[in-house]
Amino acid sequence: MYGHSGGLVVQDRSIKIVVLFLIPLLLYLVPLPFTPLMEPDEGRYSAIPSAMNATGDYVTPRLKAAVYFEKPPLVYWATAVAFRIFGENAFSSRLFAALSAWGCILLVYRMGLFFHDARTGLYAAAVLTTFLYHVAIGRINILDMPLAFFVCMAIWSGFHCFAGAKQKKGWLYLLYLFSALAFLAKGLIGIAFPFGVVVIWLLISGRWREIFALFSPIGILIFSAVSLPWLILVQQQNPDFFRFFFIQEHLLRYATRMHDRYQPFYFYLPIILAGTLPWCAFLPEAIRGVGKGEKWFGSAEKRLLLTWFGLIFLFFSISSSKLIPYIAPVFIPVALSFGHLFRRYQERPGEGGAGELPPLRYRLTGILQSLLFMAVPVAPLFLREHRVSWDSWWPWVAFPFLIQILILFLPDRMRRRRGPAWFATIYLLFALFVVTLTPSVAQYLAPYKSAYPLSQAIRKQVPAGATLYQYGMSLYGVDFYTGKRTPIVDDIGEVRYGSQQLPVAERERYFLTSDAFFRLIRETDGLYCATENDEKLERLKKEVPALRVLWHNEAYALVELKKS
């Protein structure tokens, strides 16, 4: 990422290809098929579009054949299309989320180009590509990365509308279009965030009179044409939809603790700090090198980025329901800020350029970070639960460990020879670290976080026409991988509402209590059941002395239940 005069050669097309295409391809698309789907989210968000393709009903989402109104259908539709094209597998399941993450990288490049130049855009894109949060959330099938992409595109379109763009109406219409897509991805926040950020930015910029220009009859028509057809159709098919979707899953989820996801106000601070690794660890050095008294950001840029970050951060911090993926849209403005700082640091004579190393106190966080990342791959050797043996584990973690050793020494060595190579070396080495760490993460998590190993055993051990019950658990991936509709015993959870809409006979067959299940065992010889390999298996052994374990690992067991 460097060229003549020690600077980034933005005219060199190969640099853009590497930063905007090759590295994102390597990090976000290539690894998708190598990790089995994780529970519960990826199993859920794969089972729903699979059911859509199987039934031909793309209006009412269904999970385990029960209506599932928690989220709108856009991501389900996109995944269903991917299933049609590439088959039902981990790659196609995650493809839309990965493309959305890639889209965010291209967006932050365009933002850097708009506010500064292409060089800043490439720095910002490189930073976002390798943010620990972005690379983690961007490769799993959940709704938050597609939501983040559409929300950020809507915010950027709204800003462009008032930033002197020639096609002002066109950008305004894009604001409405992307807001509609964000709404169909995850609900009302897809509207609230884009319009909220633009309105607050106009207010703090002293342009409050222009707020009224956001109102657009054509924009409303665009929004309605995209979002209303599904709302009308799903309400016609399900009369209770509006109440459940807007009141329970929006208002009550945000304002109450009904889903047991309460976290303290500061919950997202460590998430953002960890999510911006590795680059936040190098910030002390970069900020020191930028220079005192310099104006870091233009007024319009600073107000937009602070509003963008601040509104979303405060909204979720106040909420009574918090999960790590919710905060995804804030990392785009953070990446632009970081990219601009690192670009200026690298090109400041005597600082980021070739020369002596900065004092150790400014490099200490970077050193500690590498030591932390060196500890992560070897941590499973010392855990109480899910501990692994050295003989089986070291081939999986040797390369990530060695790469972190290189990050300790190689960037500074490259800095002495050619200053801007410091940033490029960190960027490329951390990307390589993520690539080499992915197989070990898959190897470690799959046995107890994925239904794939259990599903493979089911295919081998359970006859094709036999019913398989899940006792005390609900792994959606079992249904997805095996093609079976598995009845659930005692762990109805989030499908409780949908199960209550089913006919009584179907509900009693597929959503059982323990008492009903044990009565069924006494009446039927040779039932098959999957359960967790803990006290639930022990209870089954007590209730069914003739139980036979067909397969088990540390997390799950597959058993045959015979009458005594």
Protein backbone atom coordinates (compact mmCIF):
# COMPACT_ATOMS: atom_id res chain seq x y z
CA MET A 1 0.00 0.00 0.00
CA TYR A 2 2.85 2.38 -0.66
CA GLY A 3 4.54 3.93 -3.61
CA HIS A 4 6.69 6.83 -4.74
CA SER A 5 7.60 9.54 -2.20
CA GLY A 6 6.55 7.21 0.63
CA GLY A 7 2.85 7.77 -0.07
CA LEU A 8 -0.09 5.65 -1.00
CA VAL A 9 -0.38 5.53 -4.79
CA VAL A 10 -4.11 5.87 -5.30
CA GLN A 11 -3.65 5.99 -9.05
CA ASP A 12 -2.34 2.45 -9.01
CA ARG A 13 -5.39 0.34 -9.73
CA SER A 14 -3.82 -2.73 -8.15
CA ILE A 15 -3.90 -1.07 -4.72
CA LYS A 16 -7.64 -0.52 -4.95
CA ILE A 17 -8.17 -4.07 -6.17
CA VAL A 18 -6.30 -5.44 -3.15
CA VAL A 19 -7.98 -3.25 -0.53
CA LEU A 20 -11.51 -3.12 -1.94
CA PHE A 21 -11.81 -6.55 -3.52
CA LEU A 22 -9.12 -9.18 -2.90
CA ILE A 23 -8.79 -8.84 0.89
CA PRO A 24 -12.56 -8.55 1.46
CA LEU A 25 -13.04 -11.58 -0.80
CA LEU A 26 -10.46 -13.51 1.22
CA LEU A 27 -11.92 -12.49 4.59
CA TYR A 28 -15.66 -12.39 3.94
CA LEU A 29 -16.53 -14.86 1.16
CA VAL A 30 -13.88 -17.57 0.99
CA PRO A 31 -14.29 -18.73 4.63
CA LEU A 32 -18.11 -19.00 4.53
CA PRO A 33 -18.44 -22.73 3.78
CA PHE A 34 -15.74 -23.89 6.20
CA THR A 35 -17.62 -23.28 9.46
CA PRO A 36 -20.87 -25.16 10.14
CA LEU A 37 -23.94 -23.08 11.00
CA MET A 38 -23.98 -21.97 14.62
CA GLU A 39 -26.93 -22.17 17.00
CA PRO A 40 -29.35 -20.65 17.53
CA ASP A 41 -29.18 -17.69 15.14
CA GLU A 42 -27.75 -19.26 12.01
CA GLY A 43 -29.89 -22.35 12.41
CA ARG A 44 -33.00 -20.17 12.75
CA TYR A 45 -32.18 -17.84 9.87
CA SER A 46 -31.41 -20.79 7.60
CA ALA A 47 -34.50 -22.82 8.53
CA ILE A 48 -36.93 -19.97 7.78
CA PRO A 49 -35.88 -19.32 4.14
CA SER A 50 -35.58 -23.07 3.62
CA ALA A 51 -39.22 -23.39 4.69
CA MET A 52 -40.17 -20.54 2.35
CA ASN A 53 -38.67 -22.39 -0.60
CA ALA A 54 -40.27 -25.65 0.46
CA THR A 55 -43.78 -24.25 0.94
CA GLY A 56 -43.76 -21.49 -1.67
CA ASP A 57 -45.08 -19.06 0.98
CA TYR A 58 -42.79 -16.01 1.00
CA VAL A 59 -45.23 -13.80 2.92
CA THR A 60 -45.50 -15.46 6.34
CA PRO A 61 -42.14 -16.51 7.86
CA ARG A 62 -42.31 -19.86 9.64
CA LEU A 63 -39.96 -21.51 12.08
CA LYS A 64 -40.65 -25.18 12.79
CA ALA A 65 -43.86 -24.70 10.76
CA ALA A 66 -45.09 -22.07 13.26
CA VAL A 67 -45.54 -18.42 12.27
CA TYR A 68 -42.51 -16.32 13.25
CA PHE A 69 -43.19 -12.59 13.28
CA GLU A 70 -40.20 -11.33 15.26
CA LYS A 71 -38.48 -9.91 12.16
CA PRO A 72 -39.40 -8.74 8.62
CA PRO A 73 -38.57 -10.98 5.65
CA LEU A 74 -35.95 -9.22 3.48
CA VAL A 75 -32.98 -11.26 4.70
CA TYR A 76 -35.07 -14.43 4.51
CA TRP A 77 -35.92 -13.63 0.90
CA ALA A 78 -32.29 -12.96 0.00
CA THR A 79 -31.19 -16.21 1.65
CA ALA A 80 -33.98 -18.13 -0.07
CA VAL A 81 -32.71 -16.83 -3.43
CA ALA A 82 -29.16 -17.87 -2.51
CA PHE A 83 -30.48 -21.34 -1.60
CA ARG A 84 -32.13 -21.59 -5.00
CA ILE A 85 -28.90 -20.65 -6.78
CA PHE A 86 -26.20 -22.34 -4.68
CA GLY A 87 -28.13 -24.99 -2.77
CA GLU A 88 -28.83 -25.12 0.96
CA ASN A 89 -25.46 -24.90 2.66
CA ALA A 90 -23.39 -22.69 4.94
CA PHE A 91 -22.02 -20.59 2.06
CA SER A 92 -25.40 -19.63 0.64
CA SER A 93 -26.84 -19.12 4.12
CA ARG A 94 -24.21 -16.51 4.98
CA LEU A 95 -23.77 -14.96 1.54
CA PHE A 96 -26.14 -11.99 1.97
CA ALA A 97 -24.60 -10.99 5.32
CA ALA A 98 -21.10 -11.21 3.83
CA LEU A 99 -22.06 -9.13 0.79
CA SER A 100 -23.60 -6.55 3.12
CA ALA A 101 -20.35 -6.38 5.10
CA TRP A 102 -18.47 -5.92 1.83
CA GLY A 103 -20.92 -3.20 0.86
CA CYS A 104 -20.10 -1.33 4.08
CA ILE A 105 -16.41 -1.47 3.15
CA LEU A 106 -17.11 0.07 -0.25
CA LEU A 107 -19.32 2.69 1.39
CA VAL A 108 -16.67 3.82 3.86
CA TYR A 109 -14.24 4.11 0.95
CA ARG A 110 -16.67 6.43 -0.83
CA MET A 111 -17.12 8.46 2.35
CA GLY A 112 -13.36 8.92 2.69
CA LEU A 113 -13.16 9.91 -0.96
CA PHE A 114 -15.94 12.48 -0.49
CA PHE A 115 -14.60 14.13 2.66
CA HIS A 116 -10.89 13.88 1.82
CA ASP A 117 -9.52 11.85 -1.08
CA ALA A 118 -9.18 8.30 -2.38
CA ARG A 119 -6.15 7.72 -0.20
CA THR A 120 -8.16 8.33 2.97
CA GLY A 121 -10.94 6.16 1.58
CA LEU A 122 -8.55 3.25 1.15
CA TYR A 123 -7.21 3.64 4.68
CA ALA A 124 -10.77 3.70 6.05
CA ALA A 125 -11.74 0.65 3.98
CA ALA A 126 -8.67 -1.23 5.20
CA VAL A 127 -9.51 -0.37 8.80
CA LEU A 128 -13.15 -1.47 8.56
CA THR A 129 -12.23 -4.66 6.69
CA THR A 130 -10.04 -5.78 9.58
CA PHE A 131 -12.08 -4.47 12.51
CA LEU A 132 -12.55 -7.51 14.73
CA TYR A 133 -16.27 -6.75 15.11
CA HIS A 134 -16.92 -6.29 11.41
CA VAL A 135 -15.08 -9.43 10.35
CA ALA A 136 -16.89 -11.48 13.00
CA ILE A 137 -20.46 -10.20 12.48
CA GLY A 138 -20.02 -9.95 8.71
CA ARG A 139 -19.54 -13.69 8.22
CA ILE A 140 -22.52 -15.10 10.10
CA ASN A 141 -26.14 -15.30 9.03
CA ILE A 142 -27.85 -12.77 11.24
CA LEU A 143 -29.90 -9.72 10.33
CA ASP A 144 -27.68 -7.02 11.80
CA MET A 145 -25.09 -6.66 9.06
CA PRO A 146 -27.68 -6.28 6.26
CA LEU A 147 -29.51 -3.81 8.51
CA ALA A 148 -26.27 -1.89 9.10
CA PHE A 149 -25.59 -1.70 5.37
CA PHE A 150 -29.02 -0.36 4.45
CA VAL A 151 -29.13 2.05 7.42
CA CYS A 152 -25.70 3.43 6.57
CA MET A 153 -26.57 3.76 2.89
CA ALA A 154 -29.74 5.63 3.87
CA ILE A 155 -27.83 7.98 6.21
CA TRP A 156 -25.23 8.66 3.54
CA SER A 157 -27.92 9.33 0.93
CA GLY A 158 -29.70 11.75 3.28
CA PHE A 159 -26.44 13.57 4.01
CA HIS A 160 -25.64 13.83 0.31
CA CYS A 161 -29.03 15.37 -0.31
CA PHE A 162 -28.03 18.39 1.82
CA ALA A 163 -24.30 18.41 1.10
CA GLY A 164 -24.42 20.23 -2.21
CA ALA A 165 -24.91 17.19 -4.41
CA LYS A 166 -26.09 17.94 -7.95
CA GLN A 167 -28.79 15.26 -7.95
CA LYS A 168 -30.42 16.38 -4.69
CA LYS A 169 -33.78 14.76 -5.37
CA GLY A 170 -32.12 11.54 -6.45
CA TRP A 171 -30.26 11.29 -3.14
CA LEU A 172 -33.48 12.09 -1.27
CA TYR A 173 -35.26 9.25 -3.07
CA LEU A 174 -32.38 6.94 -2.21
CA LEU A 175 -32.83 7.89 1.46
CA TYR A 176 -36.41 6.64 1.27
CA LEU A 177 -35.46 3.54 -0.73
CA PHE A 178 -32.70 2.39 1.61
CA SER A 179 -34.85 3.20 4.64
CA ALA A 180 -37.55 0.93 3.22
CA LEU A 181 -35.01 -1.86 2.70
CA ALA A 182 -33.67 -1.34 6.23
CA PHE A 183 -37.23 -1.56 7.56
CA LEU A 184 -37.75 -4.83 5.70
CA ALA A 185 -34.45 -6.09 7.13
CA LYS A 186 -35.23 -5.53 10.81
CA GLY A 187 -38.10 -3.14 11.45
CA LEU A 188 -38.72 0.44 12.49
CA ILE A 189 -35.12 1.29 13.41
CA GLY A 190 -34.46 1.15 9.67
CA ILE A 191 -36.56 4.31 9.44
CA ALA A 192 -35.72 5.96 12.76
CA PHE A 193 -31.92 5.89 12.42
CA PRO A 194 -31.49 7.40 8.93
CA PHE A 195 -34.05 10.18 9.38
CA GLY A 196 -33.00 10.74 12.99
CA VAL A 197 -29.33 11.17 12.09
CA VAL A 198 -30.08 13.52 9.18
CA VAL A 199 -32.51 15.66 11.23
CA ILE A 200 -30.13 16.00 14.19
CA TRP A 201 -27.21 16.77 11.86
CA LEU A 202 -29.24 19.56 10.25
CA LEU A 203 -30.21 20.92 13.67
CA ILE A 204 -26.68 21.07 15.07
CA SER A 205 -25.49 22.53 11.76
CA GLY A 206 -27.92 25.44 12.15
CA ARG A 207 -29.93 24.34 9.10
CA TRP A 208 -33.17 23.50 10.83
CA ARG A 209 -35.29 25.15 8.12
CA GLU A 210 -34.09 22.51 5.66
CA ILE A 211 -35.59 19.70 7.74
CA PHE A 212 -38.90 20.23 5.95
CA ALA A 213 -37.19 19.40 2.65
CA LEU A 214 -36.95 15.80 3.87
CA PHE A 215 -40.66 15.46 3.22
CA SER A 216 -41.15 14.06 -0.27
CA PRO A 217 -44.41 12.68 -1.72
CA ILE A 218 -42.40 10.75 -4.31
CA GLY A 219 -40.10 9.46 -1.57
CA ILE A 220 -43.11 8.29 0.43
CA LEU A 221 -44.42 6.53 -2.67
CA ILE A 222 -41.05 4.79 -3.12
CA PHE A 223 -41.00 3.74 0.54
CA SER A 224 -44.60 2.52 0.35
CA ALA A 225 -44.05 0.61 -2.89
CA VAL A 226 -41.15 -1.28 -1.33
CA SER A 227 -42.47 -1.96 2.18
CA LEU A 228 -46.27 -1.86 2.16
CA PRO A 229 -47.07 -4.87 -0.07
CA TRP A 230 -45.58 -7.30 2.41
CA LEU A 231 -47.22 -5.57 5.40
CA ILE A 232 -50.64 -5.72 3.74
CA LEU A 233 -50.30 -9.34 2.65
CA VAL A 234 -48.97 -10.65 5.95
CA GLN A 235 -51.67 -8.81 7.90
CA GLN A 236 -54.36 -10.28 5.63
CA GLN A 237 -53.06 -13.77 6.26
CA ASN A 238 -52.41 -13.22 9.99
CA PRO A 239 -54.88 -10.82 11.70
CA ASP A 240 -52.76 -10.57 14.87
CA PHE A 241 -49.59 -9.59 13.01
CA PHE A 242 -49.67 -5.81 13.55
CA ARG A 243 -50.13 -6.15 17.31
CA PHE A 244 -47.38 -8.72 17.71
CA PHE A 245 -44.90 -7.12 15.32
CA PHE A 246 -45.24 -3.43 16.21
CA ILE A 247 -46.29 -3.55 19.87
CA GLN A 248 -44.59 -6.63 21.27
CA GLU A 249 -41.52 -6.92 19.06
CA HIS A 250 -40.78 -3.20 18.83
CA LEU A 251 -42.20 -1.18 21.70
CA LEU A 252 -42.19 -3.80 24.46
CA ARG A 253 -38.88 -5.35 23.38
CA TYR A 254 -37.20 -1.93 23.60
CA ALA A 255 -38.88 -0.66 26.77
CA THR A 256 -39.14 -3.81 28.90
CA ARG A 257 -37.05 -6.80 29.93
CA MET A 258 -39.48 -9.33 28.47
CA HIS A 259 -36.73 -11.09 26.49
CA ASP A 260 -34.23 -11.20 29.38
CA ARG A 261 -31.63 -9.23 27.44
CA TYR A 262 -31.07 -6.42 29.90
CA GLN A 263 -27.53 -5.13 30.21
CA PRO A 264 -26.11 -2.04 31.96
CA PHE A 265 -25.92 1.30 30.16
CA TYR A 266 -22.19 0.94 29.50
CA PHE A 267 -22.59 -2.52 27.88
CA TYR A 268 -21.55 -1.35 24.42
CA LEU A 269 -18.40 0.52 25.47
CA PRO A 270 -16.22 -2.60 25.83
CA ILE A 271 -17.90 -4.06 22.74
CA ILE A 272 -16.82 -1.07 20.67
CA LEU A 273 -13.35 -1.10 22.21
CA ALA A 274 -12.83 -4.79 21.46
CA GLY A 275 -14.61 -4.51 18.11
CA THR A 276 -12.17 -1.87 16.85
CA LEU A 277 -9.15 -4.10 17.45
CA PRO A 278 -6.51 -4.24 16.13
CA TRP A 279 -6.57 -0.55 15.21
CA CYS A 280 -7.65 1.01 18.51
CA ALA A 281 -4.47 -0.42 20.04
CA PHE A 282 -2.40 1.71 17.65
CA LEU A 283 -4.41 4.90 18.21
CA PRO A 284 -2.16 6.35 20.96
CA GLU A 285 0.75 6.25 18.56
CA ALA A 286 -1.26 7.68 15.66
CA ILE A 287 -2.88 10.49 17.68
CA ARG A 288 0.52 11.51 19.08
CA GLY A 289 1.90 11.66 15.57
CA VAL A 290 -0.86 13.71 13.96
CA GLY A 291 0.24 16.88 15.62
CA LYS A 292 -1.20 19.28 18.17
CA GLY A 293 -3.32 22.19 17.11
CA GLU A 294 -4.15 20.70 13.73
CA LYS A 295 -7.74 20.51 12.55
CA TRP A 296 -8.42 16.81 12.18
CA PHE A 297 -11.88 16.87 10.58
CA GLY A 298 -14.01 19.35 8.68
CA SER A 299 -17.05 20.73 10.50
CA ALA A 300 -19.64 18.96 8.32
CA GLU A 301 -17.78 15.65 8.60
CA LYS A 302 -17.30 15.94 12.34
CA ARG A 303 -20.95 16.78 12.99
CA LEU A 304 -22.18 13.96 10.77
CA LEU A 305 -19.91 11.30 12.25
CA LEU A 306 -20.64 12.32 15.85
CA THR A 307 -24.39 12.39 15.20
CA TRP A 308 -24.26 9.05 13.38
CA PHE A 309 -22.31 7.39 16.17
CA GLY A 310 -24.00 9.18 19.06
CA LEU A 311 -27.64 8.60 18.14
CA ILE A 312 -27.27 4.87 17.51
CA PHE A 313 -25.01 4.35 20.52
CA LEU A 314 -27.35 6.18 22.90
CA PHE A 315 -30.46 4.52 21.47
CA PHE A 316 -29.19 1.03 22.16
CA SER A 317 -27.48 1.95 25.43
CA ILE A 318 -30.80 3.18 26.83
CA SER A 319 -32.71 0.15 25.56
CA SER A 320 -33.78 -2.59 27.96
CA SER A 321 -32.83 -5.18 25.33
CA LYS A 322 -29.16 -5.36 24.33
CA LEU A 323 -27.25 -7.82 22.19
CA ILE A 324 -23.76 -7.46 20.74
CA PRO A 325 -24.78 -7.32 17.03
CA TYR A 326 -27.22 -4.42 17.51
CA ILE A 327 -24.48 -1.79 17.48
CA ALA A 328 -23.11 -2.68 14.01
CA PRO A 329 -23.95 0.64 12.24
CA VAL A 330 -21.60 2.69 14.46
CA PHE A 331 -18.45 1.04 13.13
CA ILE A 332 -18.64 2.76 9.73
CA PRO A 333 -18.13 6.32 11.09
CA VAL A 334 -15.52 4.97 13.52
CA ALA A 335 -13.63 3.35 10.64
CA LEU A 336 -13.63 6.60 8.66
CA SER A 337 -12.28 8.50 11.66
CA PHE A 338 -9.55 5.91 12.26
CA GLY A 339 -8.63 5.74 8.59
CA HIS A 340 -8.22 9.50 8.38
CA LEU A 341 -6.03 9.59 11.49
CA PHE A 342 -3.80 6.75 10.33
CA ARG A 343 -3.44 8.25 6.87
CA ARG A 344 -2.31 11.58 8.33
CA TYR A 345 0.02 9.86 10.77
CA GLN A 346 1.66 7.79 8.04
CA GLU A 347 2.30 10.81 5.85
CA ARG A 348 3.55 13.16 8.54
CA PRO A 349 7.34 13.57 8.19
CA GLY A 350 9.28 12.18 11.09
CA GLU A 351 6.27 10.42 12.64
CA GLY A 352 4.56 7.69 10.66
CA GLY A 353 7.28 7.91 8.05
CA ALA A 354 10.66 6.28 8.10
CA GLY A 355 12.76 7.09 11.12
CA GLU A 356 13.06 6.28 14.81
CA LEU A 357 10.38 4.40 16.67
CA PRO A 358 7.95 6.36 18.85
CA PRO A 359 8.53 6.04 22.61
CA LEU A 360 7.53 2.68 24.09
CA ARG A 361 4.61 4.13 26.08
CA TYR A 362 2.82 4.94 22.82
CA ARG A 363 3.45 1.48 21.39
CA LEU A 364 2.60 -0.44 24.55
CA THR A 365 -1.09 -1.03 23.73
CA GLY A 366 -0.12 -2.52 20.38
CA ILE A 367 2.33 -4.87 22.08
CA LEU A 368 -0.22 -5.91 24.71
CA GLN A 369 -2.78 -6.52 21.99
CA SER A 370 -0.50 -8.94 20.17
CA LEU A 371 0.16 -10.78 23.42
CA LEU A 372 -3.59 -11.01 23.97
CA PHE A 373 -4.18 -12.38 20.47
CA MET A 374 -1.36 -14.87 21.05
CA ALA A 375 -3.18 -16.07 24.17
CA VAL A 376 -6.54 -16.53 22.43
CA PRO A 377 -5.60 -19.55 20.27
CA VAL A 378 -3.97 -21.39 23.20
CA ALA A 379 -6.73 -20.57 25.73
CA PRO A 380 -8.74 -23.77 24.98
CA LEU A 381 -5.83 -25.77 26.38
CA PHE A 382 -6.55 -24.40 29.87
CA LEU A 383 -10.34 -24.01 30.03
CA ARG A 384 -12.41 -26.06 32.47
CA GLU A 385 -15.10 -26.76 29.91
CA HIS A 386 -14.40 -27.84 26.35
CA ARG A 387 -10.69 -28.24 27.00
CA VAL A 388 -8.62 -29.58 24.12
CA SER A 389 -5.39 -31.57 24.14
CA TRP A 390 -2.12 -30.12 22.92
CA ASP A 391 -1.50 -32.93 20.43
CA SER A 392 -4.77 -32.34 18.61
CA TRP A 393 -4.80 -28.55 18.91
CA TRP A 394 -1.37 -27.22 18.02
CA PRO A 395 -1.67 -27.78 14.22
CA TRP A 396 -4.77 -25.55 14.21
CA VAL A 397 -3.22 -22.62 16.10
CA ALA A 398 0.44 -22.63 15.12
CA PHE A 399 0.02 -20.22 12.19
CA PRO A 400 -2.19 -17.64 14.01
CA PHE A 401 0.28 -17.67 16.90
CA LEU A 402 3.25 -17.10 14.61
CA ILE A 403 1.49 -14.29 12.76
CA GLN A 404 0.96 -12.40 16.01
CA ILE A 405 4.67 -12.76 16.72
CA LEU A 406 5.31 -11.19 13.33
CA ILE A 407 2.92 -8.32 14.15
CA LEU A 408 5.03 -7.60 17.23
CA PHE A 409 8.18 -6.98 15.20
CA LEU A 410 7.68 -6.77 11.43
CA PRO A 411 5.64 -3.50 11.15
CA ASP A 412 8.28 -1.54 13.08
CA ARG A 413 11.03 -3.11 11.03
CA MET A 414 9.23 -2.11 7.84
CA ARG A 415 8.72 1.40 9.24
CA ARG A 416 12.47 1.92 9.46
CA ARG A 417 12.84 1.05 5.81
CA ARG A 418 9.75 2.71 4.40
CA GLY A 419 7.34 4.48 6.72
CA PRO A 420 3.88 3.89 5.19
CA ALA A 421 4.63 0.18 5.03
CA TRP A 422 3.95 0.13 8.80
CA PHE A 423 0.19 0.44 8.28
CA ALA A 424 0.14 -1.90 5.29
CA THR A 425 2.07 -4.57 7.17
CA ILE A 426 -0.32 -4.50 10.12
CA TYR A 427 -3.29 -4.60 7.76
CA LEU A 428 -2.06 -7.56 5.73
CA LEU A 429 -0.76 -9.53 8.70
CA PHE A 430 -3.97 -9.12 10.68
CA ALA A 431 -6.01 -10.16 7.65
CA LEU A 432 -3.82 -13.26 7.41
CA PHE A 433 -4.29 -13.83 11.15
CA VAL A 434 -8.07 -13.83 10.72
CA VAL A 435 -7.85 -16.22 7.76
CA THR A 436 -5.64 -18.71 9.61
CA LEU A 437 -7.66 -18.42 12.83
CA THR A 438 -10.97 -19.26 11.13
CA PRO A 439 -10.36 -23.04 10.80
CA SER A 440 -9.37 -23.35 14.45
CA VAL A 441 -12.47 -21.41 15.57
CA ALA A 442 -14.65 -23.72 13.46
CA GLN A 443 -12.88 -26.80 14.80
CA TYR A 444 -13.35 -25.66 18.39
CA LEU A 445 -16.93 -24.35 18.30
CA ALA A 446 -18.60 -26.88 15.99
CA PRO A 447 -19.01 -29.76 18.49
CA TYR A 448 -21.04 -27.73 20.99
CA LYS A 449 -22.29 -24.63 19.11
CA SER A 450 -23.46 -26.24 15.89
CA ALA A 451 -26.09 -28.86 15.10
CA TYR A 452 -23.97 -30.20 12.24
CA PRO A 453 -22.14 -33.04 14.09
CA LEU A 454 -25.40 -34.21 15.67
CA SER A 455 -27.18 -33.98 12.32
CA GLN A 456 -24.53 -36.15 10.67
CA ALA A 457 -25.09 -38.77 13.36
CA ILE A 458 -28.87 -38.55 12.84
CA ARG A 459 -28.46 -39.22 9.13
CA LYS A 460 -26.46 -42.37 9.89
CA GLN A 461 -28.35 -43.71 12.92
CA VAL A 462 -32.02 -42.73 12.48
CA PRO A 463 -34.15 -44.43 9.79
CA ALA A 464 -35.35 -42.06 7.08
CA GLY A 465 -39.02 -42.25 7.99
CA ALA A 466 -38.60 -42.19 11.78
CA THR A 467 -39.59 -39.20 13.90
CA LEU A 468 -36.80 -37.58 15.88
CA TYR A 469 -37.65 -35.70 19.08
CA GLN A 470 -35.56 -32.97 20.71
CA TYR A 471 -35.77 -33.25 24.48
CA GLY A 472 -35.10 -30.09 26.50
CA MET A 473 -33.50 -28.25 23.57
CA SER A 474 -34.33 -26.80 20.18
CA LEU A 475 -31.55 -26.88 17.62
CA TYR A 476 -32.99 -25.34 14.46
CA GLY A 477 -30.01 -26.59 12.50
CA VAL A 478 -31.13 -30.19 13.02
CA ASP A 479 -34.23 -29.53 10.93
CA PHE A 480 -32.18 -27.63 8.35
CA TYR A 481 -29.43 -30.24 7.96
CA THR A 482 -31.62 -33.35 8.11
CA GLY A 483 -34.80 -32.13 6.43
CA LYS A 484 -36.82 -33.53 9.33
CA ARG A 485 -39.45 -31.63 11.28
CA THR A 486 -38.42 -32.53 14.80
CA PRO A 487 -40.96 -32.25 17.65
CA ILE A 488 -39.75 -30.25 20.66
CA VAL A 489 -40.14 -31.34 24.25
CA ASP A 490 -40.20 -28.61 26.92
CA ASP A 491 -38.06 -26.00 25.10
CA ILE A 492 -40.62 -24.10 23.03
CA GLY A 493 -39.02 -20.70 23.70
CA GLU A 494 -39.34 -18.13 20.92
CA VAL A 495 -41.78 -20.23 18.87
CA ARG A 496 -44.31 -20.26 21.70
CA TYR A 497 -46.50 -17.61 20.07
CA GLY A 498 -46.39 -19.34 16.70
CA SER A 499 -47.10 -22.75 18.22
CA GLN A 500 -50.24 -21.35 19.83
CA GLN A 501 -51.59 -20.45 16.38
CA LEU A 502 -51.37 -24.06 15.19
CA PRO A 503 -54.33 -26.47 15.26
CA VAL A 504 -54.52 -28.30 18.59
CA ALA A 505 -53.65 -31.70 17.15
CA GLU A 506 -50.55 -30.34 15.37
CA ARG A 507 -49.45 -28.39 18.43
CA GLU A 508 -49.73 -31.42 20.69
CA ARG A 509 -47.77 -33.52 18.22
CA TYR A 510 -44.85 -31.15 17.66
CA PHE A 511 -44.65 -29.16 20.91
CA LEU A 512 -44.81 -31.52 23.87
CA THR A 513 -44.48 -31.32 27.62
CA SER A 514 -42.27 -33.82 29.45
CA ASP A 515 -45.31 -35.63 30.83
CA ALA A 516 -46.81 -36.03 27.37
CA PHE A 517 -43.46 -37.18 25.99
CA PHE A 518 -42.96 -39.83 28.67
CA ARG A 519 -46.50 -41.10 28.15
CA LEU A 520 -45.69 -41.39 24.45
CA ILE A 521 -42.57 -43.40 25.25
CA ARG A 522 -44.60 -45.86 27.33
CA GLU A 523 -47.05 -46.28 24.47
CA THR A 524 -44.56 -46.47 21.58
CA ASP A 525 -41.56 -48.72 21.17
CA GLY A 526 -38.39 -47.42 19.56
CA LEU A 527 -38.54 -43.62 19.62
CA TYR A 528 -35.47 -41.59 18.62
CA CYS A 529 -34.43 -38.54 20.59
CA ALA A 530 -31.66 -35.94 20.63
CA THR A 531 -30.79 -34.14 23.84
CA GLU A 532 -27.99 -32.34 25.61
CA ASN A 533 -25.30 -34.52 27.13
CA ASP A 534 -25.91 -33.36 30.70
CA GLU A 535 -28.61 -33.70 33.35
CA LYS A 536 -31.21 -33.96 30.58
CA LEU A 537 -29.67 -37.18 29.35
CA GLU A 538 -29.48 -38.43 32.93
CA ARG A 539 -33.18 -37.75 33.44
CA LEU A 540 -34.00 -39.68 30.29
CA LYS A 541 -31.96 -42.61 31.59
CA LYS A 542 -33.95 -42.59 34.83
CA GLU A 543 -37.29 -42.38 33.07
CA VAL A 544 -36.39 -44.91 30.36
CA PRO A 545 -34.10 -47.64 31.72
CA ALA A 546 -33.99 -49.32 28.29
CA LEU A 547 -32.46 -46.20 26.71
CA ARG A 548 -29.68 -46.89 24.22
CA VAL A 549 -27.10 -44.23 23.34
CA LEU A 550 -26.48 -44.29 19.60
CA TRP A 551 -24.02 -41.40 19.44
CA HIS A 552 -22.72 -38.65 21.68
CA ASN A 553 -20.10 -35.96 21.95
CA GLU A 554 -19.31 -33.58 24.77
CA ALA A 555 -22.43 -31.47 24.13
CA TYR A 556 -25.18 -33.67 22.63
CA ALA A 557 -26.44 -37.23 22.60
CA LEU A 558 -28.58 -39.21 20.21
CA VAL A 559 -30.57 -42.02 21.86
CA GLU A 560 -33.15 -44.68 21.12
CA LEU A 561 -35.95 -44.98 23.67
CA LYS A 562 -37.46 -48.42 24.11
CA LYS A 563 -40.28 -49.57 26.32
CA SER A 564 -39.05 -51.45 29.38
